[in-house]
Amino acid sequence: MAVPEYRSGVPDDWFVDPVRLGVPGVRSNVGDDGSNDNPLAWQTDSLCAQTDPEAFFPEKGGSTRDAKKICSSCEVRNQCLEYALANDERFGIWGGLSERERRKLRKKAV
């Protein structure tokens, strides 16, 4: 009786980069001291990157409820809002706020 050749059940290409998968809590380019070379690295931790982008860019008059619900539990919500304000994002839900809400926030800050 011949003994079958041993084969591992793990394929050679088993590893998948968690950043490419959008796994929360995983950031690219983070150094040992916690510094980050990529100012947009927070996006890898964003919940919106793991969901349907259409929810965050509703048609005029469309509901923003689903996007805001997702934002409410996102760990990088503040970074997202700061980015949108700094870059004058005119469309979509950023940091849990619509464009109109961000515009009001900017007016209050002035």
N, C-alpha and C. Protein backbone atom coordinates (compact mmCIF):
# COMPACT_ATOMS: atom_id res chain seq x y z
N MET A 1 0.83 -1.17 0.00
CA MET A 1 0.00 0.00 0.00
C MET A 1 0.88 1.24 0.00
N ALA A 2 0.63 2.13 -0.93
CA ALA A 2 1.42 3.35 -1.05
C ALA A 2 0.92 4.41 -0.07
N VAL A 3 1.85 5.11 0.52
CA VAL A 3 1.50 6.20 1.45
C VAL A 3 1.29 7.46 0.61
N PRO A 4 0.15 8.14 0.79
CA PRO A 4 -0.08 9.35 0.01
C PRO A 4 0.90 10.46 0.39
N GLU A 5 1.22 11.27 -0.59
CA GLU A 5 2.13 12.39 -0.37
C GLU A 5 1.46 13.41 0.54
N TYR A 6 2.22 13.92 1.52
CA TYR A 6 1.68 14.91 2.45
C TYR A 6 1.54 16.25 1.75
N ARG A 7 0.35 16.84 1.89
CA ARG A 7 0.12 18.17 1.33
C ARG A 7 -0.53 19.03 2.40
N SER A 8 0.02 20.18 2.60
CA SER A 8 -0.56 21.11 3.56
C SER A 8 -1.89 21.62 3.01
N GLY A 9 -2.83 21.89 3.89
CA GLY A 9 -4.12 22.44 3.47
C GLY A 9 -4.09 23.93 3.24
N VAL A 10 -2.92 24.55 3.46
CA VAL A 10 -2.80 26.00 3.30
C VAL A 10 -2.19 26.30 1.94
N PRO A 11 -2.88 27.06 1.10
CA PRO A 11 -2.32 27.39 -0.21
C PRO A 11 -1.13 28.35 -0.08
N ASP A 12 -0.28 28.34 -1.11
CA ASP A 12 0.91 29.19 -1.10
C ASP A 12 0.57 30.68 -1.03
N ASP A 13 -0.56 31.07 -1.58
CA ASP A 13 -0.93 32.49 -1.61
C ASP A 13 -1.97 32.82 -0.53
N TRP A 14 -1.84 32.24 0.64
CA TRP A 14 -2.83 32.39 1.71
C TRP A 14 -2.88 33.78 2.30
N PHE A 15 -1.76 34.53 2.27
CA PHE A 15 -1.71 35.82 2.94
C PHE A 15 -2.39 36.90 2.10
N VAL A 16 -3.27 37.67 2.74
CA VAL A 16 -3.90 38.82 2.11
C VAL A 16 -3.64 40.01 3.02
N ASP A 17 -3.11 41.08 2.45
CA ASP A 17 -2.80 42.29 3.20
C ASP A 17 -4.08 42.86 3.82
N PRO A 18 -4.16 43.00 5.15
CA PRO A 18 -5.37 43.51 5.78
C PRO A 18 -5.71 44.94 5.38
N VAL A 19 -4.72 45.74 5.01
CA VAL A 19 -5.00 47.11 4.56
C VAL A 19 -5.78 47.07 3.26
N ARG A 20 -5.41 46.15 2.36
CA ARG A 20 -6.15 46.01 1.10
C ARG A 20 -7.58 45.54 1.34
N LEU A 21 -7.79 44.79 2.39
CA LEU A 21 -9.12 44.32 2.72
C LEU A 21 -9.95 45.39 3.42
N GLY A 22 -9.29 46.43 3.92
CA GLY A 22 -10.00 47.47 4.64
C GLY A 22 -10.34 47.08 6.06
N VAL A 23 -9.47 46.29 6.69
CA VAL A 23 -9.72 45.85 8.06
C VAL A 23 -9.48 47.03 9.01
N PRO A 24 -10.48 47.38 9.85
CA PRO A 24 -10.30 48.49 10.78
C PRO A 24 -9.15 48.25 11.75
N GLY A 25 -8.49 49.32 12.15
CA GLY A 25 -7.40 49.24 13.10
C GLY A 25 -6.06 48.94 12.48
N VAL A 26 -6.01 48.84 11.16
CA VAL A 26 -4.76 48.55 10.47
C VAL A 26 -4.39 49.74 9.59
N ARG A 27 -3.27 50.32 9.87
CA ARG A 27 -2.85 51.49 9.08
C ARG A 27 -1.52 51.21 8.42
N SER A 28 -1.37 51.73 7.23
CA SER A 28 -0.10 51.56 6.51
C SER A 28 0.85 52.67 6.88
N ASN A 29 2.12 52.40 6.73
CA ASN A 29 3.19 53.39 6.91
C ASN A 29 3.27 53.95 8.32
N VAL A 30 2.91 53.20 9.34
CA VAL A 30 3.04 53.67 10.71
C VAL A 30 4.40 53.21 11.22
N GLY A 31 5.18 54.17 11.70
CA GLY A 31 6.51 53.87 12.19
C GLY A 31 6.47 53.35 13.62
N ASP A 32 7.64 52.96 14.14
CA ASP A 32 7.74 52.44 15.50
C ASP A 32 7.34 53.48 16.54
N ASP A 33 7.55 54.75 16.22
CA ASP A 33 7.23 55.82 17.17
C ASP A 33 5.78 56.27 17.05
N GLY A 34 4.99 55.61 16.19
CA GLY A 34 3.59 55.98 16.02
C GLY A 34 3.37 57.05 14.98
N SER A 35 4.45 57.58 14.42
CA SER A 35 4.29 58.61 13.39
C SER A 35 3.80 57.96 12.10
N ASN A 36 3.24 58.78 11.25
CA ASN A 36 2.67 58.25 10.02
C ASN A 36 3.11 59.11 8.85
N ASP A 37 3.66 58.48 7.82
CA ASP A 37 4.12 59.19 6.64
C ASP A 37 2.97 59.55 5.72
N ASN A 38 1.84 58.92 5.88
CA ASN A 38 0.71 59.14 5.00
C ASN A 38 -0.40 59.87 5.75
N PRO A 39 -0.65 61.14 5.42
CA PRO A 39 -1.68 61.89 6.14
C PRO A 39 -3.10 61.36 5.92
N LEU A 40 -3.29 60.51 4.94
CA LEU A 40 -4.61 59.94 4.67
C LEU A 40 -4.74 58.50 5.17
N ALA A 41 -3.80 58.06 5.97
CA ALA A 41 -3.81 56.68 6.46
C ALA A 41 -5.06 56.38 7.28
N TRP A 42 -5.67 57.40 7.86
CA TRP A 42 -6.89 57.19 8.63
C TRP A 42 -7.99 56.56 7.78
N GLN A 43 -7.92 56.75 6.47
CA GLN A 43 -8.96 56.22 5.59
C GLN A 43 -9.00 54.69 5.61
N THR A 44 -7.88 54.05 5.92
CA THR A 44 -7.89 52.58 5.96
C THR A 44 -8.73 52.07 7.13
N ASP A 45 -8.96 52.93 8.13
CA ASP A 45 -9.77 52.54 9.28
C ASP A 45 -11.21 53.01 9.17
N SER A 46 -11.55 53.68 8.09
CA SER A 46 -12.90 54.24 7.96
C SER A 46 -13.92 53.15 7.63
N LEU A 47 -15.07 53.24 8.27
CA LEU A 47 -16.14 52.28 8.00
C LEU A 47 -16.72 52.47 6.61
N CYS A 48 -16.72 53.70 6.11
CA CYS A 48 -17.29 53.94 4.78
C CYS A 48 -16.50 53.23 3.69
N ALA A 49 -15.23 52.98 3.93
CA ALA A 49 -14.41 52.28 2.94
C ALA A 49 -14.82 50.82 2.82
N GLN A 50 -15.61 50.35 3.77
CA GLN A 50 -16.04 48.95 3.80
C GLN A 50 -17.51 48.80 3.43
N THR A 51 -18.14 49.89 3.03
CA THR A 51 -19.57 49.86 2.71
C THR A 51 -19.81 50.46 1.33
N ASP A 52 -21.05 50.50 0.94
CA ASP A 52 -21.44 51.05 -0.36
C ASP A 52 -21.22 52.55 -0.39
N PRO A 53 -20.36 53.06 -1.26
CA PRO A 53 -20.08 54.50 -1.31
C PRO A 53 -21.28 55.34 -1.72
N GLU A 54 -22.25 54.74 -2.37
CA GLU A 54 -23.43 55.51 -2.80
C GLU A 54 -24.20 56.07 -1.62
N ALA A 55 -24.14 55.40 -0.47
CA ALA A 55 -24.83 55.89 0.72
C ALA A 55 -24.26 57.23 1.17
N PHE A 56 -22.98 57.46 0.89
CA PHE A 56 -22.30 58.67 1.34
C PHE A 56 -22.38 59.81 0.34
N PHE A 57 -22.92 59.53 -0.82
CA PHE A 57 -23.10 60.54 -1.87
C PHE A 57 -24.51 60.43 -2.43
N PRO A 58 -25.52 60.72 -1.58
CA PRO A 58 -26.90 60.58 -2.04
C PRO A 58 -27.25 61.64 -3.08
N GLU A 59 -28.24 61.33 -3.89
CA GLU A 59 -28.72 62.30 -4.87
C GLU A 59 -29.35 63.46 -4.13
N LYS A 60 -29.45 64.59 -4.79
CA LYS A 60 -30.02 65.78 -4.18
C LYS A 60 -31.40 65.43 -3.62
N GLY A 61 -31.60 65.75 -2.36
CA GLY A 61 -32.86 65.45 -1.70
C GLY A 61 -32.93 64.04 -1.13
N GLY A 62 -31.91 63.21 -1.40
CA GLY A 62 -31.89 61.84 -0.90
C GLY A 62 -31.55 61.79 0.58
N SER A 63 -31.84 60.67 1.19
CA SER A 63 -31.60 60.49 2.62
C SER A 63 -30.12 60.33 2.95
N THR A 64 -29.72 60.96 4.04
CA THR A 64 -28.35 60.83 4.54
C THR A 64 -28.31 59.96 5.80
N ARG A 65 -29.46 59.45 6.19
CA ARG A 65 -29.60 58.72 7.46
C ARG A 65 -28.65 57.52 7.55
N ASP A 66 -28.60 56.68 6.51
CA ASP A 66 -27.76 55.48 6.56
C ASP A 66 -26.29 55.83 6.70
N ALA A 67 -25.84 56.82 5.93
CA ALA A 67 -24.43 57.22 6.00
C ALA A 67 -24.10 57.77 7.38
N LYS A 68 -24.96 58.60 7.92
CA LYS A 68 -24.70 59.20 9.23
C LYS A 68 -24.70 58.15 10.33
N LYS A 69 -25.52 57.13 10.17
CA LYS A 69 -25.54 56.04 11.15
C LYS A 69 -24.20 55.30 11.15
N ILE A 70 -23.68 55.06 9.97
CA ILE A 70 -22.37 54.40 9.85
C ILE A 70 -21.29 55.30 10.46
N CYS A 71 -21.33 56.58 10.14
CA CYS A 71 -20.34 57.53 10.67
C CYS A 71 -20.36 57.60 12.20
N SER A 72 -21.54 57.46 12.78
CA SER A 72 -21.66 57.62 14.22
C SER A 72 -20.83 56.60 15.01
N SER A 73 -20.54 55.46 14.41
CA SER A 73 -19.74 54.46 15.11
C SER A 73 -18.34 54.30 14.52
N CYS A 74 -17.93 55.22 13.67
CA CYS A 74 -16.62 55.14 13.02
C CYS A 74 -15.54 55.75 13.91
N GLU A 75 -14.45 55.03 14.08
CA GLU A 75 -13.37 55.49 14.96
C GLU A 75 -12.54 56.63 14.37
N VAL A 76 -12.67 56.91 13.09
CA VAL A 76 -11.90 58.00 12.48
C VAL A 76 -12.80 59.14 12.02
N ARG A 77 -13.95 59.25 12.63
CA ARG A 77 -14.93 60.28 12.26
C ARG A 77 -14.33 61.69 12.35
N ASN A 78 -13.61 61.98 13.42
CA ASN A 78 -13.04 63.32 13.58
C ASN A 78 -12.00 63.65 12.51
N GLN A 79 -11.13 62.68 12.19
CA GLN A 79 -10.13 62.90 11.14
C GLN A 79 -10.82 63.14 9.80
N CYS A 80 -11.88 62.41 9.55
CA CYS A 80 -12.64 62.54 8.31
C CYS A 80 -13.25 63.94 8.20
N LEU A 81 -13.86 64.40 9.27
CA LEU A 81 -14.46 65.73 9.27
C LEU A 81 -13.40 66.81 9.11
N GLU A 82 -12.29 66.67 9.80
CA GLU A 82 -11.20 67.63 9.67
C GLU A 82 -10.70 67.69 8.23
N TYR A 83 -10.56 66.52 7.60
CA TYR A 83 -10.13 66.47 6.21
C TYR A 83 -11.12 67.20 5.31
N ALA A 84 -12.41 66.93 5.49
CA ALA A 84 -13.43 67.55 4.65
C ALA A 84 -13.44 69.07 4.81
N LEU A 85 -13.29 69.53 6.03
CA LEU A 85 -13.27 70.98 6.27
C LEU A 85 -12.01 71.62 5.69
N ALA A 86 -10.88 70.99 5.88
CA ALA A 86 -9.61 71.53 5.39
C ALA A 86 -9.55 71.54 3.86
N ASN A 87 -10.24 70.60 3.23
CA ASN A 87 -10.18 70.48 1.77
C ASN A 87 -11.45 70.96 1.08
N ASP A 88 -12.31 71.61 1.84
CA ASP A 88 -13.54 72.21 1.30
C ASP A 88 -14.33 71.22 0.45
N GLU A 89 -14.54 70.02 1.00
CA GLU A 89 -15.32 69.01 0.30
C GLU A 89 -16.75 69.52 0.14
N ARG A 90 -17.24 69.54 -1.08
CA ARG A 90 -18.56 70.09 -1.37
C ARG A 90 -19.65 69.04 -1.51
N PHE A 91 -19.27 67.79 -1.60
CA PHE A 91 -20.26 66.73 -1.84
C PHE A 91 -20.07 65.61 -0.84
N GLY A 92 -21.17 64.97 -0.50
CA GLY A 92 -21.10 63.76 0.30
C GLY A 92 -21.14 63.99 1.80
N ILE A 93 -21.23 62.88 2.50
CA ILE A 93 -21.21 62.87 3.96
C ILE A 93 -19.78 62.61 4.39
N TRP A 94 -19.24 63.51 5.18
CA TRP A 94 -17.87 63.39 5.69
C TRP A 94 -17.93 63.64 7.19
N GLY A 95 -17.38 62.74 7.98
CA GLY A 95 -17.37 62.92 9.42
C GLY A 95 -18.75 63.01 10.02
N GLY A 96 -19.72 62.43 9.36
CA GLY A 96 -21.08 62.42 9.86
C GLY A 96 -21.90 63.66 9.53
N LEU A 97 -21.33 64.57 8.75
CA LEU A 97 -22.03 65.80 8.40
C LEU A 97 -22.22 65.93 6.90
N SER A 98 -23.37 66.48 6.52
CA SER A 98 -23.63 66.76 5.11
C SER A 98 -22.90 68.03 4.71
N GLU A 99 -22.91 68.33 3.43
CA GLU A 99 -22.25 69.55 2.94
C GLU A 99 -22.88 70.77 3.58
N ARG A 100 -24.18 70.79 3.69
CA ARG A 100 -24.87 71.93 4.31
C ARG A 100 -24.46 72.08 5.78
N GLU A 101 -24.38 70.98 6.50
CA GLU A 101 -23.98 71.02 7.91
C GLU A 101 -22.53 71.47 8.06
N ARG A 102 -21.67 71.05 7.15
CA ARG A 102 -20.26 71.50 7.20
C ARG A 102 -20.17 72.99 6.91
N ARG A 103 -20.98 73.47 5.99
CA ARG A 103 -20.99 74.90 5.66
C ARG A 103 -21.42 75.72 6.88
N LYS A 104 -22.45 75.28 7.59
CA LYS A 104 -22.89 75.96 8.82
C LYS A 104 -21.79 75.94 9.87
N LEU A 105 -21.10 74.82 9.99
CA LEU A 105 -20.01 74.70 10.96
C LEU A 105 -18.89 75.69 10.63
N ARG A 106 -18.57 75.83 9.33
CA ARG A 106 -17.53 76.79 8.91
C ARG A 106 -17.94 78.21 9.27
N LYS A 107 -19.22 78.56 9.06
CA LYS A 107 -19.71 79.90 9.36
C LYS A 107 -19.60 80.20 10.84
N LYS A 108 -19.91 79.22 11.67
CA LYS A 108 -19.80 79.41 13.13
C LYS A 108 -18.35 79.65 13.54
N ALA A 109 -17.42 79.00 12.85
CA ALA A 109 -16.00 79.09 13.20
C ALA A 109 -15.41 80.45 12.84
N VAL A 110 -16.05 81.16 11.92
CA VAL A 110 -15.50 82.46 11.47
C VAL A 110 -15.85 83.56 12.40
